[in-house]
Amino acid sequence: MELIQSALTNGEQITFSVLFIGMLLYVIKTNDAREQNYRETIKELTTALNGFEDLKTAVSEIKTKVDNWRV
């Protein structure tokens, strides 16, 4: 009971506590959205890089055929 009375008489502590909790919830929410964007970007880049692996394999095969053709 004394804790509640001291908190109510000291408005600065209540204001700081409310603002801190509000900012904490805001940061958690925005970080979640940002992390989701990062995951989507990583997924898109991974998909794009898979295409380069196919291209690398094709170029390697062509190079091997050309090298064998020259000999």
N, C-alpha and C. Protein backbone atom coordinates (compact mmCIF):
# COMPACT_ATOMS: atom_id res chain seq x y z
N MET A 1 0.83 -1.19 0.00
CA MET A 1 0.00 0.00 0.00
C MET A 1 0.87 1.25 0.00
N GLU A 2 1.95 1.21 0.77
CA GLU A 2 2.84 2.36 0.84
C GLU A 2 3.53 2.58 -0.50
N LEU A 3 3.81 1.49 -1.19
CA LEU A 3 4.46 1.59 -2.50
C LEU A 3 3.56 2.32 -3.49
N ILE A 4 2.28 2.00 -3.49
CA ILE A 4 1.34 2.65 -4.39
C ILE A 4 1.20 4.12 -4.03
N GLN A 5 1.13 4.44 -2.75
CA GLN A 5 1.00 5.83 -2.33
C GLN A 5 2.23 6.63 -2.70
N SER A 6 3.41 6.05 -2.51
CA SER A 6 4.63 6.79 -2.86
C SER A 6 4.73 6.98 -4.37
N ALA A 7 4.28 5.99 -5.14
CA ALA A 7 4.30 6.12 -6.60
C ALA A 7 3.32 7.18 -7.07
N LEU A 8 2.16 7.24 -6.45
CA LEU A 8 1.16 8.23 -6.85
C LEU A 8 1.57 9.64 -6.46
N THR A 9 2.30 9.80 -5.39
CA THR A 9 2.73 11.13 -4.98
C THR A 9 3.93 11.61 -5.78
N ASN A 10 4.64 10.69 -6.41
CA ASN A 10 5.82 11.04 -7.20
C ASN A 10 5.49 10.86 -8.68
N GLY A 11 4.93 11.88 -9.28
CA GLY A 11 4.47 11.82 -10.67
C GLY A 11 5.57 11.62 -11.68
N GLU A 12 6.78 12.07 -11.36
CA GLU A 12 7.89 11.92 -12.31
C GLU A 12 8.21 10.45 -12.56
N GLN A 13 8.15 9.64 -11.53
CA GLN A 13 8.43 8.21 -11.69
C GLN A 13 7.37 7.54 -12.54
N ILE A 14 6.12 7.91 -12.34
CA ILE A 14 5.03 7.33 -13.13
C ILE A 14 5.18 7.72 -14.59
N THR A 15 5.46 9.00 -14.83
CA THR A 15 5.61 9.46 -16.21
C THR A 15 6.76 8.74 -16.90
N PHE A 16 7.89 8.63 -16.23
CA PHE A 16 9.04 7.94 -16.81
C PHE A 16 8.71 6.48 -17.09
N SER A 17 8.04 5.83 -16.15
CA SER A 17 7.70 4.41 -16.32
C SER A 17 6.78 4.20 -17.50
N VAL A 18 5.76 5.04 -17.61
CA VAL A 18 4.81 4.91 -18.71
C VAL A 18 5.49 5.17 -20.04
N LEU A 19 6.31 6.21 -20.11
CA LEU A 19 7.03 6.51 -21.35
C LEU A 19 8.00 5.40 -21.72
N PHE A 20 8.69 4.86 -20.73
CA PHE A 20 9.64 3.78 -21.00
C PHE A 20 8.94 2.55 -21.55
N ILE A 21 7.85 2.17 -20.94
CA ILE A 21 7.11 0.99 -21.40
C ILE A 21 6.54 1.24 -22.80
N GLY A 22 6.03 2.45 -23.03
CA GLY A 22 5.51 2.78 -24.36
C GLY A 22 6.59 2.70 -25.42
N MET A 23 7.75 3.27 -25.13
CA MET A 23 8.85 3.22 -26.10
C MET A 23 9.34 1.79 -26.30
N LEU A 24 9.38 1.01 -25.24
CA LEU A 24 9.82 -0.38 -25.36
C LEU A 24 8.88 -1.17 -26.27
N LEU A 25 7.59 -0.99 -26.10
CA LEU A 25 6.62 -1.69 -26.95
C LEU A 25 6.72 -1.22 -28.40
N TYR A 26 6.95 0.08 -28.61
CA TYR A 26 7.10 0.62 -29.96
C TYR A 26 8.33 0.02 -30.65
N VAL A 27 9.44 -0.05 -29.93
CA VAL A 27 10.68 -0.59 -30.50
C VAL A 27 10.52 -2.06 -30.84
N ILE A 28 9.88 -2.80 -29.97
CA ILE A 28 9.66 -4.23 -30.23
C ILE A 28 8.81 -4.41 -31.49
N LYS A 29 7.78 -3.60 -31.63
CA LYS A 29 6.89 -3.71 -32.80
C LYS A 29 7.63 -3.35 -34.09
N THR A 30 8.39 -2.25 -34.08
CA THR A 30 9.09 -1.84 -35.30
C THR A 30 10.23 -2.80 -35.63
N ASN A 31 10.89 -3.35 -34.63
CA ASN A 31 11.95 -4.33 -34.89
C ASN A 31 11.39 -5.59 -35.54
N ASP A 32 10.21 -5.99 -35.13
CA ASP A 32 9.59 -7.17 -35.73
C ASP A 32 9.30 -6.94 -37.21
N ALA A 33 8.78 -5.76 -37.54
CA ALA A 33 8.51 -5.45 -38.95
C ALA A 33 9.81 -5.38 -39.76
N ARG A 34 10.84 -4.77 -39.19
CA ARG A 34 12.12 -4.68 -39.88
C ARG A 34 12.75 -6.05 -40.09
N GLU A 35 12.64 -6.91 -39.09
CA GLU A 35 13.19 -8.25 -39.21
C GLU A 35 12.46 -9.04 -40.30
N GLN A 36 11.16 -8.85 -40.41
CA GLN A 36 10.40 -9.52 -41.47
C GLN A 36 10.88 -9.05 -42.84
N ASN A 37 11.16 -7.74 -42.98
CA ASN A 37 11.69 -7.22 -44.24
C ASN A 37 13.06 -7.83 -44.55
N TYR A 38 13.91 -7.97 -43.53
CA TYR A 38 15.22 -8.58 -43.74
C TYR A 38 15.07 -10.02 -44.20
N ARG A 39 14.15 -10.75 -43.60
CA ARG A 39 13.94 -12.15 -44.00
C ARG A 39 13.48 -12.24 -45.45
N GLU A 40 12.59 -11.36 -45.85
CA GLU A 40 12.12 -11.36 -47.24
C GLU A 40 13.27 -11.04 -48.20
N THR A 41 14.11 -10.08 -47.83
CA THR A 41 15.24 -9.72 -48.68
C THR A 41 16.22 -10.88 -48.81
N ILE A 42 16.51 -11.54 -47.70
CA ILE A 42 17.41 -12.69 -47.74
C ILE A 42 16.83 -13.80 -48.60
N LYS A 43 15.54 -14.02 -48.49
CA LYS A 43 14.88 -15.05 -49.30
C LYS A 43 14.99 -14.72 -50.79
N GLU A 44 14.76 -13.45 -51.15
CA GLU A 44 14.85 -13.04 -52.55
C GLU A 44 16.28 -13.17 -53.07
N LEU A 45 17.26 -12.78 -52.26
CA LEU A 45 18.65 -12.88 -52.70
C LEU A 45 19.09 -14.33 -52.84
N THR A 46 18.62 -15.20 -51.96
CA THR A 46 18.95 -16.62 -52.06
C THR A 46 18.39 -17.20 -53.34
N THR A 47 17.16 -16.84 -53.67
CA THR A 47 16.54 -17.31 -54.91
C THR A 47 17.31 -16.80 -56.12
N ALA A 48 17.72 -15.53 -56.09
CA ALA A 48 18.47 -14.95 -57.21
C ALA A 48 19.83 -15.63 -57.36
N LEU A 49 20.48 -15.95 -56.27
CA LEU A 49 21.81 -16.57 -56.35
C LEU A 49 21.74 -18.00 -56.86
N ASN A 50 20.61 -18.66 -56.66
CA ASN A 50 20.47 -20.01 -57.22
C ASN A 50 20.55 -19.98 -58.74
N GLY A 51 20.05 -18.93 -59.35
CA GLY A 51 20.14 -18.76 -60.80
C GLY A 51 21.58 -18.61 -61.26
N PHE A 52 22.40 -17.94 -60.47
CA PHE A 52 23.80 -17.77 -60.82
C PHE A 52 24.56 -19.08 -60.75
N GLU A 53 24.18 -19.95 -59.84
CA GLU A 53 24.83 -21.27 -59.76
C GLU A 53 24.56 -22.06 -61.05
N ASP A 54 23.34 -21.98 -61.56
CA ASP A 54 23.01 -22.65 -62.82
C ASP A 54 23.83 -22.07 -63.97
N LEU A 55 23.96 -20.75 -63.97
CA LEU A 55 24.74 -20.07 -65.00
C LEU A 55 26.21 -20.47 -64.91
N LYS A 56 26.73 -20.54 -63.69
CA LYS A 56 28.13 -20.93 -63.49
C LYS A 56 28.37 -22.35 -64.00
N THR A 57 27.45 -23.25 -63.75
CA THR A 57 27.58 -24.62 -64.21
C THR A 57 27.55 -24.68 -65.74
N ALA A 58 26.63 -23.91 -66.34
CA ALA A 58 26.53 -23.90 -67.80
C ALA A 58 27.80 -23.35 -68.43
N VAL A 59 28.34 -22.28 -67.89
CA VAL A 59 29.58 -21.70 -68.44
C VAL A 59 30.73 -22.68 -68.28
N SER A 60 30.79 -23.36 -67.18
CA SER A 60 31.85 -24.35 -66.96
C SER A 60 31.76 -25.47 -67.99
N GLU A 61 30.55 -25.93 -68.26
CA GLU A 61 30.37 -26.99 -69.26
C GLU A 61 30.77 -26.50 -70.65
N ILE A 62 30.41 -25.30 -71.00
CA ILE A 62 30.77 -24.74 -72.31
C ILE A 62 32.29 -24.61 -72.42
N LYS A 63 32.92 -24.13 -71.35
CA LYS A 63 34.38 -23.98 -71.36
C LYS A 63 35.05 -25.34 -71.55
N THR A 64 34.54 -26.36 -70.88
CA THR A 64 35.11 -27.70 -71.02
C THR A 64 34.97 -28.20 -72.46
N LYS A 65 33.81 -27.99 -73.07
CA LYS A 65 33.58 -28.42 -74.44
C LYS A 65 34.48 -27.67 -75.41
N VAL A 66 34.64 -26.38 -75.19
CA VAL A 66 35.51 -25.58 -76.09
C VAL A 66 36.96 -26.03 -75.94
N ASP A 67 37.40 -26.25 -74.69
CA ASP A 67 38.77 -26.71 -74.47
C ASP A 67 39.01 -28.07 -75.14
N ASN A 68 38.03 -28.98 -75.07
CA ASN A 68 38.16 -30.28 -75.70
C ASN A 68 38.12 -30.18 -77.22
N TRP A 69 37.39 -29.23 -77.73
CA TRP A 69 37.27 -29.02 -79.17
C TRP A 69 38.58 -28.51 -79.76
N ARG A 70 39.29 -27.66 -79.02
CA ARG A 70 40.55 -27.09 -79.50
C ARG A 70 41.66 -28.14 -79.59
N VAL A 71 41.61 -29.11 -78.78
CA VAL A 71 42.70 -30.11 -78.75
C VAL A 71 42.60 -31.07 -79.86
